[in-house]
Amino acid sequence: MSNPDKPQSDPLIQMSVHSLPKPAQVPAERTRAGRIKMLLVMAACAAPVLASYFAYYVVKPQGRVNYGALVTPPKPLPVDSAMALVDLNGQAISAASLKGQWLLIVVAGGACDARCEKQLYLQRQLRETLGKDKDRIDRVWLVSDQTPVSPALLPSLNKAWVLRAKPTEVAQWLAPEAGQTLDAHIYLVDPRGDWMMRFPVDADPSMMKKDLARLLKASQFWDKEGR
């Protein structure tokens, strides 16, 4: 016989819930899921870059040799504080703004001697010979002193980057082969801003074009056309 003085338990209150997670578990699980998603996004972004470099450096037909000297590992573009760039109007230009396309770089003083003029001409002609892919390449002249650039050169520099930079700062990024000076070569930089190739002194334009064509083909899914 039940005791009328004893409070009766509500059967709904007596039910136990076992499926609710502990409060501390929810943030941890969400954080772990967020990290996994972030890693997957990063992997998806990096995959085309890695694939193009793998195709160029590793998957090569037997006997194929690069004409330009490969820089391994590639050297990243210095941050703005490490390499100050200024255009011919005295306007500061962020080094990071050079990223996004392949760069053919010439380094020379503003007086631009015969070697400099030859390099700038070769730089321009190489880009033109690439046809529909030419808009994936920018021409860059890093002027390594304060000497005024001759007005006679300006028409041929249309759509090129002409930027003054301290040679000591440029030398922290680009480097000539042993026994040569910075102005002896044309340098190739990839769209991430990494210096990855140096062409020989008095380079053969046809061989340079072959290197460029292979790289552009391998990287067609991860750089952009035009700016």
C-alpha atoms as a PDB file:
ATOM      1  CA  MET A   1       0.000   0.000   0.000  1.00  0.00           C
ATOM      2  CA  SER A   2       1.486   3.307  -0.974  1.00  0.00           C
ATOM      3  CA  ASN A   3       2.263   5.940   1.547  1.00  0.00           C
ATOM      4  CA  PRO A   4       0.030   8.967   0.847  1.00  0.00           C
ATOM      5  CA  ASP A   5       2.479  11.233   2.649  1.00  0.00           C
ATOM      6  CA  LYS A   6       5.409  10.328   0.334  1.00  0.00           C
ATOM      7  CA  PRO A   7       5.655  12.594  -2.779  1.00  0.00           C
ATOM      8  CA  GLN A   8       5.061  10.732  -5.970  1.00  0.00           C
ATOM      9  CA  SER A   9       7.822  10.994  -8.644  1.00  0.00           C
ATOM     10  CA  ASP A  10       6.807  12.234 -12.044  1.00  0.00           C
ATOM     11  CA  PRO A  11       7.752   9.504 -14.547  1.00  0.00           C
ATOM     12  CA  LEU A  12       8.862  12.212 -17.060  1.00  0.00           C
ATOM     13  CA  ILE A  13      11.336  13.568 -14.539  1.00  0.00           C
ATOM     14  CA  GLN A  14      12.707  10.076 -13.953  1.00  0.00           C
ATOM     15  CA  MET A  15      13.709   9.680 -17.629  1.00  0.00           C
ATOM     16  CA  SER A  16      17.467   9.893 -18.281  1.00  0.00           C
ATOM     17  CA  VAL A  17      18.987  11.516 -21.368  1.00  0.00           C
ATOM     18  CA  HIS A  18      22.260   9.914 -22.385  1.00  0.00           C
ATOM     19  CA  SER A  19      22.764  11.331 -25.883  1.00  0.00           C
ATOM     20  CA  LEU A  20      23.637  14.938 -25.068  1.00  0.00           C
ATOM     21  CA  PRO A  21      27.357  15.694 -25.414  1.00  0.00           C
ATOM     22  CA  LYS A  22      29.280  17.191 -22.592  1.00  0.00           C
ATOM     23  CA  PRO A  23      29.570  20.985 -22.881  1.00  0.00           C
ATOM     24  CA  ALA A  24      33.349  20.791 -23.355  1.00  0.00           C
ATOM     25  CA  GLN A  25      32.999  18.372 -26.264  1.00  0.00           C
ATOM     26  CA  VAL A  26      31.119  20.698 -28.603  1.00  0.00           C
ATOM     27  CA  PRO A  27      33.812  23.411 -29.047  1.00  0.00           C
ATOM     28  CA  ALA A  28      36.553  20.783 -29.441  1.00  0.00           C
ATOM     29  CA  GLU A  29      34.658  18.910 -32.155  1.00  0.00           C
ATOM     30  CA  ARG A  30      33.814  22.109 -34.014  1.00  0.00           C
ATOM     31  CA  THR A  31      37.432  23.296 -33.810  1.00  0.00           C
ATOM     32  CA  ARG A  32      38.696  19.969 -35.164  1.00  0.00           C
ATOM     33  CA  ALA A  33      36.197  20.034 -38.030  1.00  0.00           C
ATOM     34  CA  GLY A  34      37.141  23.641 -38.834  1.00  0.00           C
ATOM     35  CA  ARG A  35      40.827  22.754 -38.989  1.00  0.00           C
ATOM     36  CA  ILE A  36      40.168  19.856 -41.307  1.00  0.00           C
ATOM     37  CA  LYS A  37      38.138  22.082 -43.646  1.00  0.00           C
ATOM     38  CA  MET A  38      40.907  24.720 -43.635  1.00  0.00           C
ATOM     39  CA  LEU A  39      43.554  22.110 -44.500  1.00  0.00           C
ATOM     40  CA  LEU A  40      41.414  20.789 -47.347  1.00  0.00           C
ATOM     41  CA  VAL A  41      40.990  24.303 -48.776  1.00  0.00           C
ATOM     42  CA  MET A  42      44.751  24.942 -48.530  1.00  0.00           C
ATOM     43  CA  ALA A  43      45.495  21.623 -50.238  1.00  0.00           C
ATOM     44  CA  ALA A  44      43.061  22.428 -53.055  1.00  0.00           C
ATOM     45  CA  CYS A  45      44.719  25.817 -53.623  1.00  0.00           C
ATOM     46  CA  ALA A  46      48.249  24.406 -53.567  1.00  0.00           C
ATOM     47  CA  ALA A  47      47.543  21.369 -55.760  1.00  0.00           C
ATOM     48  CA  PRO A  48      47.777  23.135 -59.169  1.00  0.00           C
ATOM     49  CA  VAL A  49      51.025  24.835 -58.170  1.00  0.00           C
ATOM     50  CA  LEU A  50      52.581  21.606 -56.953  1.00  0.00           C
ATOM     51  CA  ALA A  51      51.367  19.732 -60.022  1.00  0.00           C
ATOM     52  CA  SER A  52      52.863  22.256 -62.440  1.00  0.00           C
ATOM     53  CA  TYR A  53      56.237  22.208 -60.674  1.00  0.00           C
ATOM     54  CA  PHE A  54      56.155  18.412 -60.549  1.00  0.00           C
ATOM     55  CA  ALA A  55      55.441  18.290 -64.286  1.00  0.00           C
ATOM     56  CA  TYR A  56      58.291  20.660 -65.062  1.00  0.00           C
ATOM     57  CA  TYR A  57      60.958  19.443 -62.660  1.00  0.00           C
ATOM     58  CA  VAL A  58      60.204  15.734 -62.375  1.00  0.00           C
ATOM     59  CA  VAL A  59      58.106  14.375 -65.237  1.00  0.00           C
ATOM     60  CA  LYS A  60      60.530  15.122 -68.068  1.00  0.00           C
ATOM     61  CA  PRO A  61      61.184  13.251 -71.296  1.00  0.00           C
ATOM     62  CA  GLN A  62      64.504  11.449 -71.158  1.00  0.00           C
ATOM     63  CA  GLY A  63      67.384  13.702 -72.160  1.00  0.00           C
ATOM     64  CA  ARG A  64      65.502  16.992 -71.823  1.00  0.00           C
ATOM     65  CA  VAL A  65      67.676  19.697 -70.244  1.00  0.00           C
ATOM     66  CA  ASN A  66      66.614  23.099 -68.969  1.00  0.00           C
ATOM     67  CA  TYR A  67      68.391  25.929 -70.720  1.00  0.00           C
ATOM     68  CA  GLY A  68      68.094  28.393 -67.842  1.00  0.00           C
ATOM     69  CA  ALA A  69      69.699  27.642 -64.484  1.00  0.00           C
ATOM     70  CA  LEU A  70      67.059  26.505 -61.997  1.00  0.00           C
ATOM     71  CA  VAL A  71      67.127  28.098 -58.557  1.00  0.00           C
ATOM     72  CA  THR A  72      66.542  25.439 -55.921  1.00  0.00           C
ATOM     73  CA  PRO A  73      64.855  26.144 -53.705  1.00  0.00           C
ATOM     74  CA  PRO A  74      63.200  29.156 -55.360  1.00  0.00           C
ATOM     75  CA  LYS A  75      63.776  32.443 -53.496  1.00  0.00           C
ATOM     76  CA  PRO A  76      60.618  34.308 -52.455  1.00  0.00           C
ATOM     77  CA  LEU A  77      60.037  37.966 -53.242  1.00  0.00           C
ATOM     78  CA  PRO A  78      61.226  40.077 -50.283  1.00  0.00           C
ATOM     79  CA  VAL A  79      58.590  41.847 -48.236  1.00  0.00           C
ATOM     80  CA  ASP A  80      58.183  45.580 -48.780  1.00  0.00           C
ATOM     81  CA  SER A  81      60.357  46.452 -45.792  1.00  0.00           C
ATOM     82  CA  ALA A  82      63.247  44.469 -47.306  1.00  0.00           C
ATOM     83  CA  MET A  83      63.042  45.834 -50.858  1.00  0.00           C
ATOM     84  CA  ALA A  84      61.694  49.341 -51.430  1.00  0.00           C
ATOM     85  CA  LEU A  85      60.454  49.955 -54.979  1.00  0.00           C
ATOM     86  CA  VAL A  86      59.713  53.357 -56.512  1.00  0.00           C
ATOM     87  CA  ASP A  87      58.405  54.121 -60.004  1.00  0.00           C
ATOM     88  CA  LEU A  88      59.809  56.828 -62.274  1.00  0.00           C
ATOM     89  CA  ASN A  89      57.369  59.345 -60.804  1.00  0.00           C
ATOM     90  CA  GLY A  90      58.691  58.745 -57.311  1.00  0.00           C
ATOM     91  CA  GLN A  91      55.609  56.786 -56.243  1.00  0.00           C
ATOM     92  CA  ALA A  92      56.268  53.904 -53.840  1.00  0.00           C
ATOM     93  CA  ILE A  93      55.193  50.532 -55.260  1.00  0.00           C
ATOM     94  CA  SER A  94      54.498  47.518 -53.084  1.00  0.00           C
ATOM     95  CA  ALA A  95      56.709  44.564 -53.945  1.00  0.00           C
ATOM     96  CA  ALA A  96      53.682  42.321 -53.413  1.00  0.00           C
ATOM     97  CA  SER A  97      51.945  44.015 -56.360  1.00  0.00           C
ATOM     98  CA  LEU A  98      54.372  42.219 -58.693  1.00  0.00           C
ATOM     99  CA  LYS A  99      52.846  38.873 -57.800  1.00  0.00           C
ATOM    100  CA  GLY A 100      50.229  37.192 -59.978  1.00  0.00           C
ATOM    101  CA  GLN A 101      52.117  36.778 -63.250  1.00  0.00           C
ATOM    102  CA  TRP A 102      55.424  35.471 -64.531  1.00  0.00           C
ATOM    103  CA  LEU A 103      58.123  38.141 -64.527  1.00  0.00           C
ATOM    104  CA  LEU A 104      61.084  38.619 -66.854  1.00  0.00           C
ATOM    105  CA  ILE A 105      63.449  40.859 -64.896  1.00  0.00           C
ATOM    106  CA  VAL A 106      66.378  42.981 -66.061  1.00  0.00           C
ATOM    107  CA  VAL A 107      68.587  44.781 -63.540  1.00  0.00           C
ATOM    108  CA  ALA A 108      70.574  47.800 -64.776  1.00  0.00           C
ATOM    109  CA  GLY A 109      71.370  51.429 -64.057  1.00  0.00           C
ATOM    110  CA  GLY A 110      69.305  54.239 -65.515  1.00  0.00           C
ATOM    111  CA  ALA A 111      71.982  55.144 -68.066  1.00  0.00           C
ATOM    112  CA  CYS A 112      71.255  51.756 -69.718  1.00  0.00           C
ATOM    113  CA  ASP A 113      74.396  50.834 -71.639  1.00  0.00           C
ATOM    114  CA  ALA A 114      74.534  48.595 -74.719  1.00  0.00           C
ATOM    115  CA  ARG A 115      74.111  45.424 -72.656  1.00  0.00           C
ATOM    116  CA  CYS A 116      71.073  46.883 -70.889  1.00  0.00           C
ATOM    117  CA  GLU A 117      69.436  47.902 -74.186  1.00  0.00           C
ATOM    118  CA  LYS A 118      70.049  44.425 -75.570  1.00  0.00           C
ATOM    119  CA  GLN A 119      68.474  42.823 -72.477  1.00  0.00           C
ATOM    120  CA  LEU A 120      65.415  45.065 -72.642  1.00  0.00           C
ATOM    121  CA  TYR A 121      64.999  44.335 -76.353  1.00  0.00           C
ATOM    122  CA  LEU A 122      65.301  40.579 -75.778  1.00  0.00           C
ATOM    123  CA  GLN A 123      62.876  40.794 -72.875  1.00  0.00           C
ATOM    124  CA  ARG A 124      60.310  42.546 -75.083  1.00  0.00           C
ATOM    125  CA  GLN A 125      60.778  40.232 -78.063  1.00  0.00           C
ATOM    126  CA  LEU A 126      60.526  37.091 -75.944  1.00  0.00           C
ATOM    127  CA  ARG A 127      57.202  38.179 -74.559  1.00  0.00           C
ATOM    128  CA  GLU A 128      55.840  38.986 -78.030  1.00  0.00           C
ATOM    129  CA  THR A 129      56.865  35.605 -79.461  1.00  0.00           C
ATOM    130  CA  LEU A 130      54.694  33.805 -76.908  1.00  0.00           C
ATOM    131  CA  GLY A 131      51.557  34.800 -78.779  1.00  0.00           C
ATOM    132  CA  LYS A 132      48.353  34.234 -76.816  1.00  0.00           C
ATOM    133  CA  ASP A 133      50.363  33.515 -73.657  1.00  0.00           C
ATOM    134  CA  LYS A 134      52.220  36.826 -73.650  1.00  0.00           C
ATOM    135  CA  ASP A 135      49.692  38.447 -71.310  1.00  0.00           C
ATOM    136  CA  ARG A 136      50.716  35.971 -68.622  1.00  0.00           C
ATOM    137  CA  ILE A 137      54.172  37.564 -68.496  1.00  0.00           C
ATOM    138  CA  ASP A 138      55.213  41.010 -67.257  1.00  0.00           C
ATOM    139  CA  ARG A 139      58.441  42.779 -68.149  1.00  0.00           C
ATOM    140  CA  VAL A 140      60.295  44.357 -65.229  1.00  0.00           C
ATOM    141  CA  TRP A 141      63.310  46.657 -65.272  1.00  0.00           C
ATOM    142  CA  LEU A 142      64.775  47.182 -61.816  1.00  0.00           C
ATOM    143  CA  VAL A 143      66.730  50.433 -62.155  1.00  0.00           C
ATOM    144  CA  SER A 144      69.624  50.040 -59.742  1.00  0.00           C
ATOM    145  CA  ASP A 145      70.593  53.712 -59.323  1.00  0.00           C
ATOM    146  CA  GLN A 146      69.185  57.238 -59.433  1.00  0.00           C
ATOM    147  CA  THR A 147      70.360  58.046 -62.974  1.00  0.00           C
ATOM    148  CA  PRO A 148      67.483  59.418 -65.095  1.00  0.00           C
ATOM    149  CA  VAL A 149      66.123  56.986 -67.669  1.00  0.00           C
ATOM    150  CA  SER A 150      66.575  58.240 -71.236  1.00  0.00           C
ATOM    151  CA  PRO A 151      63.267  59.477 -72.735  1.00  0.00           C
ATOM    152  CA  ALA A 152      64.232  57.634 -75.931  1.00  0.00           C
ATOM    153  CA  LEU A 153      63.750  54.316 -74.096  1.00  0.00           C
ATOM    154  CA  LEU A 154      60.305  55.054 -72.710  1.00  0.00           C
ATOM    155  CA  PRO A 155      58.218  54.144 -75.812  1.00  0.00           C
ATOM    156  CA  SER A 156      59.694  50.620 -75.815  1.00  0.00           C
ATOM    157  CA  LEU A 157      58.925  50.303 -72.106  1.00  0.00           C
ATOM    158  CA  ASN A 158      55.197  50.771 -72.549  1.00  0.00           C
ATOM    159  CA  LYS A 159      53.294  48.371 -70.234  1.00  0.00           C
ATOM    160  CA  ALA A 160      56.541  47.344 -68.520  1.00  0.00           C
ATOM    161  CA  TRP A 161      57.328  47.839 -64.837  1.00  0.00           C
ATOM    162  CA  VAL A 162      60.215  50.320 -64.534  1.00  0.00           C
ATOM    163  CA  LEU A 163      61.062  50.534 -60.847  1.00  0.00           C
ATOM    164  CA  ARG A 164      64.010  51.909 -58.944  1.00  0.00           C
ATOM    165  CA  ALA A 165      65.485  49.601 -56.330  1.00  0.00           C
ATOM    166  CA  LYS A 166      68.637  49.605 -54.244  1.00  0.00           C
ATOM    167  CA  PRO A 167      71.133  47.081 -55.670  1.00  0.00           C
ATOM    168  CA  THR A 168      71.966  45.845 -52.172  1.00  0.00           C
ATOM    169  CA  GLU A 169      68.300  44.997 -51.623  1.00  0.00           C
ATOM    170  CA  VAL A 170      67.886  43.390 -55.047  1.00  0.00           C
ATOM    171  CA  ALA A 171      70.949  41.269 -54.293  1.00  0.00           C
ATOM    172  CA  GLN A 172      69.129  39.783 -51.312  1.00  0.00           C
ATOM    173  CA  TRP A 173      66.706  38.246 -53.805  1.00  0.00           C
ATOM    174  CA  LEU A 174      68.401  37.796 -57.202  1.00  0.00           C
ATOM    175  CA  ALA A 175      71.969  36.663 -57.785  1.00  0.00           C
ATOM    176  CA  PRO A 176      74.221  36.335 -60.867  1.00  0.00           C
ATOM    177  CA  GLU A 177      76.315  33.304 -61.645  1.00  0.00           C
ATOM    178  CA  ALA A 178      79.842  33.250 -60.222  1.00  0.00           C
ATOM    179  CA  GLY A 179      82.049  35.965 -61.681  1.00  0.00           C
ATOM    180  CA  GLN A 180      79.157  37.950 -63.170  1.00  0.00           C
ATOM    181  CA  THR A 181      77.206  41.034 -62.092  1.00  0.00           C
ATOM    182  CA  LEU A 182      73.459  41.413 -61.585  1.00  0.00           C
ATOM    183  CA  ASP A 183      73.024  43.141 -64.955  1.00  0.00           C
ATOM    184  CA  ALA A 184      74.464  40.168 -66.859  1.00  0.00           C
ATOM    185  CA  HIS A 185      71.295  38.070 -66.822  1.00  0.00           C
ATOM    186  CA  ILE A 186      67.558  38.014 -67.366  1.00  0.00           C
ATOM    187  CA  TYR A 187      65.816  36.519 -64.342  1.00  0.00           C
ATOM    188  CA  LEU A 188      62.537  34.590 -64.312  1.00  0.00           C
ATOM    189  CA  VAL A 189      60.126  34.852 -61.370  1.00  0.00           C
ATOM    190  CA  ASP A 190      56.968  32.787 -60.998  1.00  0.00           C
ATOM    191  CA  PRO A 191      53.486  34.197 -60.182  1.00  0.00           C
ATOM    192  CA  ARG A 192      53.971  33.583 -56.460  1.00  0.00           C
ATOM    193  CA  GLY A 193      56.940  35.941 -56.505  1.00  0.00           C
ATOM    194  CA  ASP A 194      59.562  33.191 -56.294  1.00  0.00           C
ATOM    195  CA  TRP A 195      62.754  33.637 -58.304  1.00  0.00           C
ATOM    196  CA  MET A 196      63.169  30.239 -59.928  1.00  0.00           C
ATOM    197  CA  MET A 197      65.389  30.614 -63.024  1.00  0.00           C
ATOM    198  CA  ARG A 198      68.354  32.613 -64.321  1.00  0.00           C
ATOM    199  CA  PHE A 199      69.160  32.702 -68.019  1.00  0.00           C
ATOM    200  CA  PRO A 200      72.800  32.586 -69.173  1.00  0.00           C
ATOM    201  CA  VAL A 201      74.881  35.567 -70.219  1.00  0.00           C
ATOM    202  CA  ASP A 202      74.226  36.365 -73.909  1.00  0.00           C
ATOM    203  CA  ALA A 203      71.391  33.871 -73.849  1.00  0.00           C
ATOM    204  CA  ASP A 204      69.968  32.220 -76.954  1.00  0.00           C
ATOM    205  CA  PRO A 205      66.436  33.621 -77.434  1.00  0.00           C
ATOM    206  CA  SER A 206      65.106  30.427 -79.023  1.00  0.00           C
ATOM    207  CA  MET A 207      66.238  28.347 -76.038  1.00  0.00           C
ATOM    208  CA  MET A 208      64.799  30.865 -73.583  1.00  0.00           C
ATOM    209  CA  LYS A 209      61.482  30.671 -75.400  1.00  0.00           C
ATOM    210  CA  LYS A 210      61.432  26.873 -75.044  1.00  0.00           C
ATOM    211  CA  ASP A 211      61.874  27.137 -71.283  1.00  0.00           C
ATOM    212  CA  LEU A 212      59.148  29.777 -71.042  1.00  0.00           C
ATOM    213  CA  ALA A 213      56.739  27.820 -73.230  1.00  0.00           C
ATOM    214  CA  ARG A 214      57.156  24.678 -71.089  1.00  0.00           C
ATOM    215  CA  LEU A 215      56.639  26.593 -67.864  1.00  0.00           C
ATOM    216  CA  LEU A 216      53.578  28.412 -69.162  1.00  0.00           C
ATOM    217  CA  LYS A 217      52.068  25.141 -70.319  1.00  0.00           C
ATOM    218  CA  ALA A 218      52.734  23.483 -66.960  1.00  0.00           C
ATOM    219  CA  SER A 219      51.281  26.423 -65.011  1.00  0.00           C
ATOM    220  CA  GLN A 220      48.260  27.237 -67.150  1.00  0.00           C
ATOM    221  CA  PHE A 221      45.814  26.472 -64.327  1.00  0.00           C
ATOM    222  CA  TRP A 222      47.319  28.589 -61.562  1.00  0.00           C
ATOM    223  CA  ASP A 223      48.498  31.928 -62.941  1.00  0.00           C
ATOM    224  CA  LYS A 224      46.356  34.635 -64.465  1.00  0.00           C
ATOM    225  CA  GLU A 225      46.209  36.460 -67.776  1.00  0.00           C
ATOM    226  CA  GLY A 226      46.631  40.219 -67.656  1.00  0.00           C
ATOM    227  CA  ARG A 227      46.312  42.458 -64.621  1.00  0.00           C
END
